[in-house]
Amino acid sequence: MTTSAIDADAQARIKELVCDVLELEEDEVSNESLFKEDHGADSLRAIEILAGLEKEFKITIDQTELERMVNLDGVYAVVGEAIAAGA
């Protein structure tokens, strides 16, 4: 797990954003639960999450990263790497 690049505050902001887009309560989403399989998210929701993260953290995330952003752990890793890269 590569969440060390982001702190607990950033993780909380990410989870809140993801839950808003997926229209779920935060206690319904675990770090490992899969957006598509467990929560019925479609590709449009994934794009909304990506766009929201870019705006929230002022980073750029390549759309190819969407395949890794299947759950919160994946999103934390991608965002952490983008922040670390200074994107």
PDB file of N, CA and C in Angstrom:
ATOM      1  N   MET A   1       0.844  -1.180   0.000  1.00  0.00           N
ATOM      2  CA  MET A   1       0.000   0.000   0.000  1.00  0.00           C
ATOM      3  C   MET A   1       0.887   1.239   0.000  1.00  0.00           C
ATOM      4  N   THR A   2       0.599   2.170  -0.914  1.00  0.00           N
ATOM      5  CA  THR A   2       1.447   3.358  -1.062  1.00  0.00           C
ATOM      6  C   THR A   2       0.724   4.609  -0.579  1.00  0.00           C
ATOM      7  N   THR A   3       0.142   4.551   0.595  1.00  0.00           N
ATOM      8  CA  THR A   3      -0.609   5.705   1.080  1.00  0.00           C
ATOM      9  C   THR A   3       0.276   6.678   1.854  1.00  0.00           C
ATOM     10  N   SER A   4       1.544   6.346   2.032  1.00  0.00           N
ATOM     11  CA  SER A   4       2.425   7.183   2.841  1.00  0.00           C
ATOM     12  C   SER A   4       2.636   8.574   2.246  1.00  0.00           C
ATOM     13  N   ALA A   5       2.434   8.723   0.939  1.00  0.00           N
ATOM     14  CA  ALA A   5       2.655  10.019   0.296  1.00  0.00           C
ATOM     15  C   ALA A   5       1.554  11.022   0.657  1.00  0.00           C
ATOM     16  N   ILE A   6       0.440  10.533   1.176  1.00  0.00           N
ATOM     17  CA  ILE A   6      -0.632  11.449   1.562  1.00  0.00           C
ATOM     18  C   ILE A   6      -0.993  11.238   3.024  1.00  0.00           C
ATOM     19  N   ASP A   7      -1.386  12.330   3.692  1.00  0.00           N
ATOM     20  CA  ASP A   7      -1.680  12.248   5.116  1.00  0.00           C
ATOM     21  C   ASP A   7      -3.154  11.900   5.361  1.00  0.00           C
ATOM     22  N   ALA A   8      -3.491  11.761   6.631  1.00  0.00           N
ATOM     23  CA  ALA A   8      -4.855  11.363   6.998  1.00  0.00           C
ATOM     24  C   ALA A   8      -5.880  12.392   6.532  1.00  0.00           C
ATOM     25  N   ASP A   9      -5.513  13.667   6.563  1.00  0.00           N
ATOM     26  CA  ASP A   9      -6.423  14.715   6.101  1.00  0.00           C
ATOM     27  C   ASP A   9      -6.729  14.546   4.613  1.00  0.00           C
ATOM     28  N   ALA A  10      -5.679  14.309   3.831  1.00  0.00           N
ATOM     29  CA  ALA A  10      -5.867  14.102   2.384  1.00  0.00           C
ATOM     30  C   ALA A  10      -6.704  12.854   2.139  1.00  0.00           C
ATOM     31  N   GLN A  11      -6.456  11.796   2.902  1.00  0.00           N
ATOM     32  CA  GLN A  11      -7.244  10.571   2.738  1.00  0.00           C
ATOM     33  C   GLN A  11      -8.715  10.834   3.047  1.00  0.00           C
ATOM     34  N   ALA A  12      -8.978  11.617   4.086  1.00  0.00           N
ATOM     35  CA  ALA A  12     -10.361  11.935   4.447  1.00  0.00           C
ATOM     36  C   ALA A  12     -11.035  12.749   3.344  1.00  0.00           C
ATOM     37  N   ARG A  13     -10.307  13.701   2.764  1.00  0.00           N
ATOM     38  CA  ARG A  13     -10.854  14.519   1.672  1.00  0.00           C
ATOM     39  C   ARG A  13     -11.146  13.649   0.445  1.00  0.00           C
ATOM     40  N   ILE A  14     -10.242  12.707   0.153  1.00  0.00           N
ATOM     41  CA  ILE A  14     -10.451  11.796  -0.977  1.00  0.00           C
ATOM     42  C   ILE A  14     -11.690  10.941  -0.745  1.00  0.00           C
ATOM     43  N   LYS A  15     -11.797  10.373   0.441  1.00  0.00           N
ATOM     44  CA  LYS A  15     -12.941   9.500   0.742  1.00  0.00           C
ATOM     45  C   LYS A  15     -14.249  10.281   0.641  1.00  0.00           C
ATOM     46  N   GLU A  16     -14.250  11.498   1.162  1.00  0.00           N
ATOM     47  CA  GLU A  16     -15.461  12.331   1.097  1.00  0.00           C
ATOM     48  C   GLU A  16     -15.853  12.607  -0.358  1.00  0.00           C
ATOM     49  N   LEU A  17     -14.868  12.938  -1.181  1.00  0.00           N
ATOM     50  CA  LEU A  17     -15.122  13.214  -2.595  1.00  0.00           C
ATOM     51  C   LEU A  17     -15.662  11.970  -3.297  1.00  0.00           C
ATOM     52  N   VAL A  18     -15.017  10.839  -3.079  1.00  0.00           N
ATOM     53  CA  VAL A  18     -15.446   9.585  -3.707  1.00  0.00           C
ATOM     54  C   VAL A  18     -16.877   9.250  -3.285  1.00  0.00           C
ATOM     55  N   CYS A  19     -17.172   9.381  -2.005  1.00  0.00           N
ATOM     56  CA  CYS A  19     -18.515   9.056  -1.513  1.00  0.00           C
ATOM     57  C   CYS A  19     -19.559  10.015  -2.080  1.00  0.00           C
ATOM     58  N   ASP A  20     -19.206  11.284  -2.218  1.00  0.00           N
ATOM     59  CA  ASP A  20     -20.127  12.246  -2.834  1.00  0.00           C
ATOM     60  C   ASP A  20     -20.451  11.833  -4.265  1.00  0.00           C
ATOM     61  N   VAL A  21     -19.425  11.510  -5.042  1.00  0.00           N
ATOM     62  CA  VAL A  21     -19.633  11.123  -6.444  1.00  0.00           C
ATOM     63  C   VAL A  21     -20.451   9.837  -6.545  1.00  0.00           C
ATOM     64  N   LEU A  22     -20.151   8.880  -5.679  1.00  0.00           N
ATOM     65  CA  LEU A  22     -20.848   7.591  -5.724  1.00  0.00           C
ATOM     66  C   LEU A  22     -22.192   7.619  -4.995  1.00  0.00           C
ATOM     67  N   GLU A  23     -22.481   8.766  -4.347  1.00  0.00           N
ATOM     68  CA  GLU A  23     -23.719   8.932  -3.594  1.00  0.00           C
ATOM     69  C   GLU A  23     -23.873   7.851  -2.528  1.00  0.00           C
ATOM     70  N   LEU A  24     -22.802   7.683  -1.750  1.00  0.00           N
ATOM     71  CA  LEU A  24     -22.773   6.701  -0.665  1.00  0.00           C
ATOM     72  C   LEU A  24     -22.397   7.384   0.640  1.00  0.00           C
ATOM     73  N   GLU A  25     -22.786   6.752   1.747  1.00  0.00           N
ATOM     74  CA  GLU A  25     -22.328   7.220   3.054  1.00  0.00           C
ATOM     75  C   GLU A  25     -20.901   6.729   3.242  1.00  0.00           C
ATOM     76  N   GLU A  26     -20.107   7.501   3.992  1.00  0.00           N
ATOM     77  CA  GLU A  26     -18.699   7.122   4.158  1.00  0.00           C
ATOM     78  C   GLU A  26     -18.520   5.761   4.812  1.00  0.00           C
ATOM     79  N   ASP A  27     -19.451   5.371   5.699  1.00  0.00           N
ATOM     80  CA  ASP A  27     -19.293   4.062   6.355  1.00  0.00           C
ATOM     81  C   ASP A  27     -19.642   2.891   5.433  1.00  0.00           C
ATOM     82  N   GLU A  28     -20.165   3.184   4.243  1.00  0.00           N
ATOM     83  CA  GLU A  28     -20.470   2.125   3.277  1.00  0.00           C
ATOM     84  C   GLU A  28     -19.250   1.752   2.430  1.00  0.00           C
ATOM     85  N   VAL A  29     -18.218   2.595   2.453  1.00  0.00           N
ATOM     86  CA  VAL A  29     -17.058   2.402   1.585  1.00  0.00           C
ATOM     87  C   VAL A  29     -15.825   2.103   2.435  1.00  0.00           C
ATOM     88  N   SER A  30     -15.217   0.944   2.204  1.00  0.00           N
ATOM     89  CA  SER A  30     -13.957   0.622   2.892  1.00  0.00           C
ATOM     90  C   SER A  30     -12.809   0.893   1.922  1.00  0.00           C
ATOM     91  N   ASN A  31     -11.585   0.836   2.431  1.00  0.00           N
ATOM     92  CA  ASN A  31     -10.419   1.067   1.566  1.00  0.00           C
ATOM     93  C   ASN A  31     -10.318   0.019   0.467  1.00  0.00           C
ATOM     94  N   GLU A  32     -10.852  -1.185   0.727  1.00  0.00           N
ATOM     95  CA  GLU A  32     -10.720  -2.279  -0.223  1.00  0.00           C
ATOM     96  C   GLU A  32     -11.966  -2.512  -1.065  1.00  0.00           C
ATOM     97  N   SER A  33     -13.115  -1.927  -0.680  1.00  0.00           N
ATOM     98  CA  SER A  33     -14.337  -2.201  -1.449  1.00  0.00           C
ATOM     99  C   SER A  33     -14.204  -1.616  -2.853  1.00  0.00           C
ATOM    100  N   LEU A  34     -14.670  -2.380  -3.820  1.00  0.00           N
ATOM    101  CA  LEU A  34     -14.504  -2.014  -5.227  1.00  0.00           C
ATOM    102  C   LEU A  34     -15.645  -1.125  -5.692  1.00  0.00           C
ATOM    103  N   PHE A  35     -15.301   0.019  -6.278  1.00  0.00           N
ATOM    104  CA  PHE A  35     -16.302   0.989  -6.700  1.00  0.00           C
ATOM    105  C   PHE A  35     -17.311   0.377  -7.665  1.00  0.00           C
ATOM    106  N   LYS A  36     -16.815  -0.327  -8.663  1.00  0.00           N
ATOM    107  CA  LYS A  36     -17.686  -0.875  -9.709  1.00  0.00           C
ATOM    108  C   LYS A  36     -18.464  -2.091  -9.199  1.00  0.00           C
ATOM    109  N   GLU A  37     -17.753  -3.082  -8.682  1.00  0.00           N
ATOM    110  CA  GLU A  37     -18.377  -4.339  -8.287  1.00  0.00           C
ATOM    111  C   GLU A  37     -19.226  -4.207  -7.022  1.00  0.00           C
ATOM    112  N   ASP A  38     -18.711  -3.490  -6.016  1.00  0.00           N
ATOM    113  CA  ASP A  38     -19.414  -3.414  -4.735  1.00  0.00           C
ATOM    114  C   ASP A  38     -20.404  -2.246  -4.661  1.00  0.00           C
ATOM    115  N   HIS A  39     -20.153  -1.198  -5.439  1.00  0.00           N
ATOM    116  CA  HIS A  39     -20.965   0.013  -5.298  1.00  0.00           C
ATOM    117  C   HIS A  39     -21.660   0.441  -6.589  1.00  0.00           C
ATOM    118  N   GLY A  40     -21.531  -0.335  -7.660  1.00  0.00           N
ATOM    119  CA  GLY A  40     -22.257  -0.066  -8.890  1.00  0.00           C
ATOM    120  C   GLY A  40     -21.810   1.162  -9.659  1.00  0.00           C
ATOM    121  N   ALA A  41     -20.576   1.609  -9.440  1.00  0.00           N
ATOM    122  CA  ALA A  41     -20.076   2.788 -10.153  1.00  0.00           C
ATOM    123  C   ALA A  41     -19.825   2.450 -11.618  1.00  0.00           C
ATOM    124  N   ASP A  42     -20.068   3.421 -12.492  1.00  0.00           N
ATOM    125  CA  ASP A  42     -19.781   3.222 -13.909  1.00  0.00           C
ATOM    126  C   ASP A  42     -18.590   4.088 -14.314  1.00  0.00           C
ATOM    127  N   SER A  43     -18.219   4.018 -15.586  1.00  0.00           N
ATOM    128  CA  SER A  43     -17.027   4.749 -16.036  1.00  0.00           C
ATOM    129  C   SER A  43     -17.211   6.259 -15.927  1.00  0.00           C
ATOM    130  N   LEU A  44     -18.440   6.745 -16.055  1.00  0.00           N
ATOM    131  CA  LEU A  44     -18.683   8.176 -15.905  1.00  0.00           C
ATOM    132  C   LEU A  44     -18.376   8.627 -14.478  1.00  0.00           C
ATOM    133  N   ARG A  45     -18.761   7.817 -13.514  1.00  0.00           N
ATOM    134  CA  ARG A  45     -18.457   8.139 -12.101  1.00  0.00           C
ATOM    135  C   ARG A  45     -16.943   8.158 -11.880  1.00  0.00           C
ATOM    136  N   ALA A  46     -16.251   7.223 -12.510  1.00  0.00           N
ATOM    137  CA  ALA A  46     -14.790   7.173 -12.376  1.00  0.00           C
ATOM    138  C   ALA A  46     -14.158   8.460 -12.904  1.00  0.00           C
ATOM    139  N   ILE A  47     -14.661   8.949 -14.041  1.00  0.00           N
ATOM    140  CA  ILE A  47     -14.155  10.191 -14.616  1.00  0.00           C
ATOM    141  C   ILE A  47     -14.472  11.366 -13.680  1.00  0.00           C
ATOM    142  N   GLU A  48     -15.669  11.351 -13.084  1.00  0.00           N
ATOM    143  CA  GLU A  48     -16.040  12.408 -12.130  1.00  0.00           C
ATOM    144  C   GLU A  48     -15.097  12.403 -10.928  1.00  0.00           C
ATOM    145  N   ILE A  49     -14.774  11.220 -10.438  1.00  0.00           N
ATOM    146  CA  ILE A  49     -13.842  11.113  -9.304  1.00  0.00           C
ATOM    147  C   ILE A  49     -12.484  11.673  -9.705  1.00  0.00           C
ATOM    148  N   LEU A  50     -11.986  11.269 -10.864  1.00  0.00           N
ATOM    149  CA  LEU A  50     -10.687  11.737 -11.336  1.00  0.00           C
ATOM    150  C   LEU A  50     -10.674  13.266 -11.462  1.00  0.00           C
ATOM    151  N   ALA A  51     -11.702  13.826 -12.077  1.00  0.00           N
ATOM    152  CA  ALA A  51     -11.775  15.282 -12.249  1.00  0.00           C
ATOM    153  C   ALA A  51     -11.856  15.993 -10.899  1.00  0.00           C
ATOM    154  N   GLY A  52     -12.613  15.438  -9.989  1.00  0.00           N
ATOM    155  CA  GLY A  52     -12.728  16.027  -8.655  1.00  0.00           C
ATOM    156  C   GLY A  52     -11.413  16.020  -7.907  1.00  0.00           C
ATOM    157  N   LEU A  53     -10.668  14.915  -8.032  1.00  0.00           N
ATOM    158  CA  LEU A  53      -9.360  14.813  -7.379  1.00  0.00           C
ATOM    159  C   LEU A  53      -8.385  15.828  -7.963  1.00  0.00           C
ATOM    160  N   GLU A  54      -8.409  15.976  -9.279  1.00  0.00           N
ATOM    161  CA  GLU A  54      -7.511  16.941  -9.924  1.00  0.00           C
ATOM    162  C   GLU A  54      -7.794  18.353  -9.424  1.00  0.00           C
ATOM    163  N   LYS A  55      -9.071  18.679  -9.302  1.00  0.00           N
ATOM    164  CA  LYS A  55      -9.454  20.013  -8.838  1.00  0.00           C
ATOM    165  C   LYS A  55      -9.111  20.199  -7.356  1.00  0.00           C
ATOM    166  N   GLU A  56      -9.442  19.212  -6.543  1.00  0.00           N
ATOM    167  CA  GLU A  56      -9.228  19.286  -5.095  1.00  0.00           C
ATOM    168  C   GLU A  56      -7.751  19.420  -4.733  1.00  0.00           C
ATOM    169  N   PHE A  57      -6.911  18.646  -5.410  1.00  0.00           N
ATOM    170  CA  PHE A  57      -5.488  18.596  -5.051  1.00  0.00           C
ATOM    171  C   PHE A  57      -4.587  19.353  -6.033  1.00  0.00           C
ATOM    172  N   LYS A  58      -5.202  19.972  -7.051  1.00  0.00           N
ATOM    173  CA  LYS A  58      -4.450  20.730  -8.057  1.00  0.00           C
ATOM    174  C   LYS A  58      -3.320  19.896  -8.663  1.00  0.00           C
ATOM    175  N   ILE A  59      -3.720  18.699  -9.118  1.00  0.00           N
ATOM    176  CA  ILE A  59      -2.793  17.751  -9.733  1.00  0.00           C
ATOM    177  C   ILE A  59      -3.362  17.325 -11.083  1.00  0.00           C
ATOM    178  N   THR A  60      -2.556  16.643 -11.857  1.00  0.00           N
ATOM    179  CA  THR A  60      -3.020  16.056 -13.109  1.00  0.00           C
ATOM    180  C   THR A  60      -2.862  14.548 -13.001  1.00  0.00           C
ATOM    181  N   ILE A  61      -3.928  13.844 -13.311  1.00  0.00           N
ATOM    182  CA  ILE A  61      -3.908  12.382 -13.267  1.00  0.00           C
ATOM    183  C   ILE A  61      -4.228  11.881 -14.673  1.00  0.00           C
ATOM    184  N   ASP A  62      -3.338  11.093 -15.232  1.00  0.00           N
ATOM    185  CA  ASP A  62      -3.563  10.527 -16.564  1.00  0.00           C
ATOM    186  C   ASP A  62      -4.735   9.550 -16.507  1.00  0.00           C
ATOM    187  N   GLN A  63      -5.581   9.562 -17.530  1.00  0.00           N
ATOM    188  CA  GLN A  63      -6.744   8.673 -17.524  1.00  0.00           C
ATOM    189  C   GLN A  63      -6.367   7.193 -17.507  1.00  0.00           C
ATOM    190  N   THR A  64      -5.148   6.874 -17.905  1.00  0.00           N
ATOM    191  CA  THR A  64      -4.727   5.467 -17.834  1.00  0.00           C
ATOM    192  C   THR A  64      -4.664   4.987 -16.388  1.00  0.00           C
ATOM    193  N   GLU A  65      -4.583   5.923 -15.429  1.00  0.00           N
ATOM    194  CA  GLU A  65      -4.549   5.550 -14.009  1.00  0.00           C
ATOM    195  C   GLU A  65      -5.905   5.058 -13.509  1.00  0.00           C
ATOM    196  N   LEU A  66      -6.958   5.302 -14.290  1.00  0.00           N
ATOM    197  CA  LEU A  66      -8.293   4.863 -13.859  1.00  0.00           C
ATOM    198  C   LEU A  66      -8.338   3.367 -13.567  1.00  0.00           C
ATOM    199  N   GLU A  67      -7.566   2.574 -14.321  1.00  0.00           N
ATOM    200  CA  GLU A  67      -7.594   1.121 -14.098  1.00  0.00           C
ATOM    201  C   GLU A  67      -7.045   0.744 -12.724  1.00  0.00           C
ATOM    202  N   ARG A  68      -6.255   1.618 -12.118  1.00  0.00           N
ATOM    203  CA  ARG A  68      -5.742   1.363 -10.752  1.00  0.00           C
ATOM    204  C   ARG A  68      -6.683   1.924  -9.691  1.00  0.00           C
ATOM    205  N   MET A  69      -7.560   2.843 -10.091  1.00  0.00           N
ATOM    206  CA  MET A  69      -8.421   3.539  -9.140  1.00  0.00           C
ATOM    207  C   MET A  69      -9.742   2.800  -8.954  1.00  0.00           C
ATOM    208  N   VAL A  70      -9.637   1.534  -8.534  1.00  0.00           N
ATOM    209  CA  VAL A  70     -10.824   0.691  -8.397  1.00  0.00           C
ATOM    210  C   VAL A  70     -11.386   0.704  -6.977  1.00  0.00           C
ATOM    211  N   ASN A  71     -10.564   1.187  -6.028  1.00  0.00           N
ATOM    212  CA  ASN A  71     -10.996   1.296  -4.640  1.00  0.00           C
ATOM    213  C   ASN A  71     -10.211   2.442  -3.981  1.00  0.00           C
ATOM    214  N   LEU A  72     -10.506   2.730  -2.725  1.00  0.00           N
ATOM    215  CA  LEU A  72      -9.842   3.858  -2.062  1.00  0.00           C
ATOM    216  C   LEU A  72      -8.330   3.676  -1.993  1.00  0.00           C
ATOM    217  N   ASP A  73      -7.872   2.447  -1.711  1.00  0.00           N
ATOM    218  CA  ASP A  73      -6.419   2.220  -1.658  1.00  0.00           C
ATOM    219  C   ASP A  73      -5.764   2.608  -2.981  1.00  0.00           C
ATOM    220  N   GLY A  74      -6.391   2.236  -4.080  1.00  0.00           N
ATOM    221  CA  GLY A  74      -5.865   2.581  -5.399  1.00  0.00           C
ATOM    222  C   GLY A  74      -5.858   4.078  -5.631  1.00  0.00           C
ATOM    223  N   VAL A  75      -6.925   4.742  -5.216  1.00  0.00           N
ATOM    224  CA  VAL A  75      -7.010   6.196  -5.381  1.00  0.00           C
ATOM    225  C   VAL A  75      -5.950   6.885  -4.536  1.00  0.00           C
ATOM    226  N   TYR A  76      -5.778   6.435  -3.285  1.00  0.00           N
ATOM    227  CA  TYR A  76      -4.746   7.024  -2.419  1.00  0.00           C
ATOM    228  C   TYR A  76      -3.371   6.916  -3.075  1.00  0.00           C
ATOM    229  N   ALA A  77      -3.080   5.748  -3.642  1.00  0.00           N
ATOM    230  CA  ALA A  77      -1.775   5.525  -4.271  1.00  0.00           C
ATOM    231  C   ALA A  77      -1.575   6.453  -5.460  1.00  0.00           C
ATOM    232  N   VAL A  78      -2.578   6.546  -6.323  1.00  0.00           N
ATOM    233  CA  VAL A  78      -2.474   7.374  -7.526  1.00  0.00           C
ATOM    234  C   VAL A  78      -2.324   8.847  -7.151  1.00  0.00           C
ATOM    235  N   VAL A  79      -3.137   9.309  -6.219  1.00  0.00           N
ATOM    236  CA  VAL A  79      -3.059  10.715  -5.791  1.00  0.00           C
ATOM    237  C   VAL A  79      -1.705  10.987  -5.125  1.00  0.00           C
ATOM    238  N   GLY A  80      -1.270  10.066  -4.280  1.00  0.00           N
ATOM    239  CA  GLY A  80       0.027  10.225  -3.613  1.00  0.00           C
ATOM    240  C   GLY A  80       1.166  10.332  -4.613  1.00  0.00           C
ATOM    241  N   GLU A  81       1.130   9.484  -5.627  1.00  0.00           N
ATOM    242  CA  GLU A  81       2.183   9.524  -6.659  1.00  0.00           C
ATOM    243  C   GLU A  81       2.118  10.824  -7.450  1.00  0.00           C
ATOM    244  N   ALA A  82       0.919  11.298  -7.766  1.00  0.00           N
ATOM    245  CA  ALA A  82       0.771  12.551  -8.529  1.00  0.00           C
ATOM    246  C   ALA A  82       1.281  13.733  -7.715  1.00  0.00           C
ATOM    247  N   ILE A  83       0.978  13.741  -6.420  1.00  0.00           N
ATOM    248  CA  ILE A  83       1.474  14.812  -5.558  1.00  0.00           C
ATOM    249  C   ILE A  83       2.990  14.751  -5.446  1.00  0.00           C
ATOM    250  N   ALA A  84       3.503  13.533  -5.234  1.00  0.00           N
ATOM    251  CA  ALA A  84       4.960  13.358  -5.115  1.00  0.00           C
ATOM    252  C   ALA A  84       5.692  13.772  -6.384  1.00  0.00           C
ATOM    253  N   ALA A  85       5.060  13.533  -7.526  1.00  0.00           N
ATOM    254  CA  ALA A  85       5.688  13.876  -8.818  1.00  0.00           C
ATOM    255  C   ALA A  85       5.570  15.367  -9.105  1.00  0.00           C
ATOM    256  N   GLY A  86       4.809  16.063  -8.260  1.00  0.00           N
ATOM    257  CA  GLY A  86       4.628  17.489  -8.469  1.00  0.00           C
ATOM    258  C   GLY A  86       3.812  17.799  -9.703  1.00  0.00           C
ATOM    259  N   ALA A  87       2.931  16.863 -10.046  1.00  0.00           N
ATOM    260  CA  ALA A  87       2.123  17.013 -11.270  1.00  0.00           C
ATOM    261  C   ALA A  87       1.140  18.165 -11.153  1.00  0.00           C
TER     262      ALA A  87
END
